[in-house]
Structures are given as C-alpha cells and as structure tokens.
C-alpha cells in the first residue's frame, strides 16, 4: 500500500463518527501519554477490534 493509500485509510478511520464517551477517553489518554487524540483513537479502535489486528 502506498503512502497516499495509507493516509486515506487513516483519515477514513478518524473521520468515523464516534460517540462522546470514546472521544472523551481518547482525549484523556492523549493528554496523559503525550500523543495526538487521533493516535489515541486509533489505539482504542485497535484494542476494540475482535481480532486485535492493527490498522
């Protein structure tokens, strides 16, 4: 997968509408860990996938 395809895939994941609780949790972990909220959302999404696979 090329750079543009990877970028579009990540943007699609981030653009998904998420409920308020997940966004709040992501913002909390982003502040605590020193990462962006988008990275925290990706980590939370990966943790909640049934197969545990990363994006």
Protein backbone atom coordinates (compact mmCIF):
# COMPACT_ATOMS: atom_id res chain seq x y z
CA UNK A 1 0.00 0.00 0.00
CA UNK A 2 1.41 3.39 -0.98
CA UNK A 3 1.74 6.45 1.21
CA UNK A 4 -1.41 8.09 -0.16
CA UNK A 5 -3.48 4.95 0.35
CA UNK A 6 -2.28 4.61 3.94
CA UNK A 7 -3.04 8.26 4.63
CA UNK A 8 -6.55 7.96 3.19
CA UNK A 9 -7.18 4.80 5.21
CA UNK A 10 -6.12 6.51 8.43
CA UNK A 11 -8.22 9.57 7.63
CA UNK A 12 -11.24 7.37 6.98
CA UNK A 13 -10.86 5.75 10.40
CA UNK A 14 -10.52 9.11 12.11
CA UNK A 15 -13.49 10.56 10.22
CA UNK A 16 -15.88 7.90 11.52
CA UNK A 17 -18.47 9.34 13.88
CA UNK A 18 -17.64 8.26 17.40
CA UNK A 19 -19.74 8.60 20.47
CA UNK A 20 -18.92 11.20 23.10
CA UNK A 21 -17.56 8.65 25.57
CA UNK A 22 -14.90 7.32 23.17
CA UNK A 23 -13.84 10.83 22.19
CA UNK A 24 -13.52 11.81 25.85
CA UNK A 25 -11.49 8.69 26.61
CA UNK A 26 -9.20 9.37 23.63
CA UNK A 27 -8.66 12.98 24.71
CA UNK A 28 -7.77 11.82 28.23
CA UNK A 29 -5.22 9.25 27.07
CA UNK A 30 -3.80 11.67 24.53
CA UNK A 31 -3.05 14.16 27.30
CA UNK A 32 -1.68 11.51 29.67
CA UNK A 33 0.55 9.84 27.05
CA UNK A 34 1.60 12.91 25.09
CA UNK A 35 0.11 11.76 21.79
CA UNK A 36 -2.48 13.28 19.50
CA UNK A 37 -6.17 12.49 20.01
CA UNK A 38 -6.22 10.88 16.57
CA UNK A 39 -3.46 8.46 17.58
CA UNK A 40 -5.34 7.67 20.78
CA UNK A 41 -8.50 6.96 18.77
CA UNK A 42 -6.55 4.56 16.55
CA UNK A 43 -5.22 2.74 19.60
CA UNK A 44 -8.69 2.48 21.14
CA UNK A 45 -10.16 1.25 17.85
CA UNK A 46 -7.41 -1.38 17.53
CA UNK A 47 -7.99 -2.52 21.10
CA UNK A 48 -11.72 -2.92 20.49
CA UNK A 49 -11.40 -4.98 17.30
CA UNK A 50 -12.33 -8.62 17.78
CA UNK A 51 -9.23 -9.94 16.01
CA UNK A 52 -6.87 -7.45 17.72
CA UNK A 53 -5.28 -6.50 14.37
CA UNK A 54 -3.77 -3.06 13.95
CA UNK A 55 -4.83 -0.69 11.18
